[in-house]
Amino acid sequence: MRPLLALSQAIDQLNEKIGYICNLLVLISCLVSAGNAMIRYAFSYSSNGWLEAQWYMFAILVMFGASYTFKRNEHVRVEIMYLMLSERGQLWLDLIGTLFFLIPACLLLAYLSWPFFYQAYAVGEMSGNAGGLLRWPIKFVIPSGFVMLALQGVSEVIKRIAALQGYVTIDAKYERPTQ
């Protein structure tokens, strides 16, 4: 179980770093948005490239922020029945939901979105707007974001199995296994 917990910890650390970058992107996107607005109203100038950069940052936030949010157990869940379960029942429900729904759905979506990215990459797709950006890098965010969420799902499965077997307990706030 120790090697699996080490893998889980590595995935958690990776998603923690991604979360830090996403937090910075929130600030940067706000600054870009404010700068765009000020320049547009002060100088009657607008740049499609900067507008698209805002959209790209938002897309990165959504796609990679999902795995970070899942890692921190701050995702949306319907807790009506969940809260009525014992801690062991909650572990089982998390395990089943992650194994049979989250991971397969993420891998399927990553697989289905890969051709969408690859086609854009193969033709060097650019934005149709004047001064727009390359499109294929942001299209790569879609499959990679789903892969990261699936990886975080694997980490959560490992932690739940370890908790069910008594190797660790789960810190409810940050989903960190404690020994």
Protein backbone atom coordinates (compact mmCIF):
# COMPACT_ATOMS: atom_id res chain seq x y z
CA MET A 1 0.00 0.00 0.00
CA ARG A 2 2.94 2.36 0.65
CA PRO A 3 3.91 2.64 -3.05
CA LEU A 4 0.31 3.46 -3.94
CA LEU A 5 0.12 6.09 -1.20
CA ALA A 6 3.39 7.57 -2.52
CA LEU A 7 1.81 7.72 -6.00
CA SER A 8 -1.27 9.38 -4.49
CA GLN A 9 0.92 11.93 -2.73
CA ALA A 10 2.79 12.69 -5.97
CA ILE A 11 -0.49 13.27 -7.82
CA ASP A 12 -1.72 15.46 -4.96
CA GLN A 13 1.47 17.54 -5.05
CA LEU A 14 1.21 17.98 -8.82
CA ASN A 15 -2.39 19.15 -8.53
CA GLU A 16 -1.45 21.44 -5.64
CA LYS A 17 1.13 23.12 -7.90
CA ILE A 18 -1.42 23.35 -10.71
CA GLY A 19 -3.83 24.92 -8.23
CA TYR A 20 -1.23 27.51 -7.30
CA ILE A 21 -0.81 28.40 -10.98
CA CYS A 22 -4.60 28.60 -11.38
CA ASN A 23 -4.76 30.98 -8.41
CA LEU A 24 -2.16 33.20 -10.11
CA LEU A 25 -4.16 33.05 -13.35
CA VAL A 26 -7.18 34.47 -11.51
CA LEU A 27 -5.15 37.53 -10.59
CA ILE A 28 -3.54 37.83 -14.03
CA SER A 29 -6.87 37.49 -15.84
CA CYS A 30 -8.38 40.20 -13.62
CA LEU A 31 -5.45 42.50 -14.38
CA VAL A 32 -5.68 41.80 -18.11
CA SER A 33 -9.42 42.40 -18.04
CA ALA A 34 -9.04 45.69 -16.15
CA GLY A 35 -6.20 46.77 -18.43
CA ASN A 36 -8.25 45.97 -21.52
CA ALA A 37 -11.19 47.98 -20.21
CA MET A 38 -9.03 50.99 -19.25
CA ILE A 39 -7.22 51.04 -22.59
CA ARG A 40 -10.45 50.63 -24.52
CA TYR A 41 -12.15 53.54 -22.75
CA ALA A 42 -9.10 55.79 -22.41
CA PHE A 43 -7.59 55.30 -25.87
CA SER A 44 -10.41 53.71 -27.89
CA TYR A 45 -8.14 50.76 -28.60
CA SER A 46 -8.94 47.09 -28.21
CA SER A 47 -6.94 43.95 -28.86
CA ASN A 48 -8.50 40.63 -29.82
CA GLY A 49 -5.33 38.90 -28.68
CA TRP A 50 -5.72 40.20 -25.13
CA LEU A 51 -9.42 39.34 -25.08
CA GLU A 52 -8.66 35.82 -26.24
CA ALA A 53 -5.87 35.56 -23.66
CA GLN A 54 -8.51 36.24 -20.99
CA TRP A 55 -10.70 33.46 -22.39
CA TYR A 56 -7.73 31.11 -22.52
CA MET A 57 -6.84 31.83 -18.91
CA PHE A 58 -10.45 31.20 -17.89
CA ALA A 59 -10.47 27.89 -19.80
CA ILE A 60 -7.26 26.83 -18.05
CA LEU A 61 -8.76 27.81 -14.69
CA VAL A 62 -11.85 25.70 -15.29
CA MET A 63 -10.16 22.63 -16.75
CA PHE A 64 -7.19 22.41 -14.36
CA GLY A 65 -8.97 23.94 -11.39
CA ALA A 66 -11.33 20.96 -11.36
CA SER A 67 -8.61 18.53 -10.29
CA TYR A 68 -7.33 20.98 -7.66
CA THR A 69 -10.85 21.50 -6.34
CA PHE A 70 -11.44 17.75 -6.22
CA LYS A 71 -8.16 17.24 -4.37
CA ARG A 72 -9.23 19.74 -1.70
CA ASN A 73 -12.69 18.17 -1.41
CA GLU A 74 -14.32 21.48 -2.32
CA HIS A 75 -16.27 20.20 -5.30
CA VAL A 76 -20.04 20.34 -5.45
CA ARG A 77 -21.78 17.29 -4.11
CA VAL A 78 -25.36 16.60 -3.13
CA GLU A 79 -24.88 15.87 0.55
CA ILE A 80 -28.41 15.01 1.59
CA MET A 81 -27.78 11.26 1.72
CA TYR A 82 -24.01 11.55 2.03
CA LEU A 83 -24.21 13.22 5.45
CA MET A 84 -26.53 10.51 6.77
CA LEU A 85 -23.91 7.84 6.05
CA SER A 86 -21.25 6.74 8.51
CA GLU A 87 -17.65 7.69 7.78
CA ARG A 88 -17.11 4.23 6.32
CA GLY A 89 -20.25 4.59 4.18
CA GLN A 90 -18.98 7.95 2.90
CA LEU A 91 -15.66 6.34 1.99
CA TRP A 92 -17.47 3.60 0.08
CA LEU A 93 -19.72 6.08 -1.72
CA ASP A 94 -16.72 8.23 -2.70
CA LEU A 95 -14.85 5.13 -3.86
CA ILE A 96 -17.71 3.78 -5.98
CA GLY A 97 -18.57 7.17 -7.47
CA THR A 98 -14.97 7.92 -8.36
CA LEU A 99 -14.17 4.46 -9.73
CA PHE A 100 -17.32 3.88 -11.77
CA PHE A 101 -18.37 7.38 -12.78
CA LEU A 102 -15.68 10.07 -12.48
CA ILE A 103 -12.62 8.26 -13.83
CA PRO A 104 -14.39 6.56 -16.79
CA ALA A 105 -16.18 9.80 -17.73
CA CYS A 106 -12.96 11.81 -17.59
CA LEU A 107 -11.02 9.28 -19.64
CA LEU A 108 -13.82 9.07 -22.20
CA LEU A 109 -13.97 12.86 -22.52
CA ALA A 110 -10.17 13.06 -22.82
CA TYR A 111 -10.25 10.41 -25.54
CA LEU A 112 -13.09 12.11 -27.43
CA SER A 113 -11.51 15.57 -27.20
CA TRP A 114 -8.07 14.43 -28.41
CA PRO A 115 -9.01 14.50 -32.14
CA PHE A 116 -10.46 18.00 -31.61
CA PHE A 117 -7.04 19.13 -30.37
CA TYR A 118 -5.01 17.10 -32.85
CA GLN A 119 -6.84 18.44 -35.88
CA ALA A 120 -6.25 22.02 -34.70
CA TYR A 121 -2.58 21.21 -34.09
CA ALA A 122 -2.13 19.51 -37.47
CA VAL A 123 -3.38 22.53 -39.41
CA GLY A 124 -1.89 25.14 -37.06
CA GLU A 125 -5.34 26.55 -36.37
CA MET A 126 -5.45 30.26 -35.61
CA SER A 127 -8.24 32.44 -34.33
CA GLY A 128 -10.46 33.92 -37.02
CA ASN A 129 -10.24 37.30 -35.31
CA ALA A 130 -7.68 39.88 -36.38
CA GLY A 131 -4.79 39.73 -33.93
CA GLY A 132 -6.12 36.51 -32.46
CA LEU A 133 -4.08 33.70 -30.95
CA LEU A 134 -3.22 30.15 -31.90
CA ARG A 135 -6.11 27.83 -31.10
CA TRP A 136 -4.43 24.45 -30.75
CA PRO A 137 -2.71 25.18 -27.39
CA ILE A 138 -6.00 25.97 -25.71
CA LYS A 139 -7.64 22.95 -27.32
CA PHE A 140 -4.92 20.82 -25.71
CA VAL A 141 -6.17 22.03 -22.32
CA ILE A 142 -9.40 20.07 -22.78
CA PRO A 143 -8.00 16.50 -22.91
CA SER A 144 -5.18 17.31 -20.49
CA GLY A 145 -7.60 18.82 -17.96
CA PHE A 146 -9.72 15.68 -18.05
CA VAL A 147 -6.62 13.50 -17.66
CA MET A 148 -5.56 15.52 -14.61
CA LEU A 149 -9.01 15.14 -13.09
CA ALA A 150 -8.89 11.38 -13.75
CA LEU A 151 -5.43 11.21 -12.13
CA GLN A 152 -6.75 13.02 -9.08
CA GLY A 153 -9.56 10.48 -9.07
CA VAL A 154 -6.96 7.70 -8.96
CA SER A 155 -5.33 9.45 -6.01
CA GLU A 156 -8.68 9.67 -4.21
CA VAL A 157 -9.39 5.98 -4.88
CA ILE A 158 -6.03 5.04 -3.38
CA LYS A 159 -6.70 7.17 -0.30
CA ARG A 160 -10.20 5.73 0.16
CA ILE A 161 -8.98 2.13 -0.15
CA ALA A 162 -6.17 2.85 2.32
CA ALA A 163 -8.67 4.42 4.73
CA LEU A 164 -11.07 1.48 4.40
CA GLN A 165 -8.22 -0.92 5.16
CA GLY A 166 -7.17 1.15 8.17
CA TYR A 167 -3.81 2.31 6.82
CA VAL A 168 -4.72 5.99 7.01
CA THR A 169 -7.50 8.29 8.10
CA ILE A 170 -8.78 11.02 5.82
CA ASP A 171 -8.56 14.63 6.97
CA ALA A 172 -12.03 15.83 5.98
CA LYS A 173 -10.98 19.42 5.20
CA TYR A 174 -8.12 18.81 2.79
CA GLU A 175 -8.48 15.12 1.98
CA ARG A 176 -4.97 14.41 3.21
CA PRO A 177 -4.34 10.93 4.48
CA THR A 178 -2.92 10.95 8.01
CA GLN A 179 -1.26 7.99 9.63
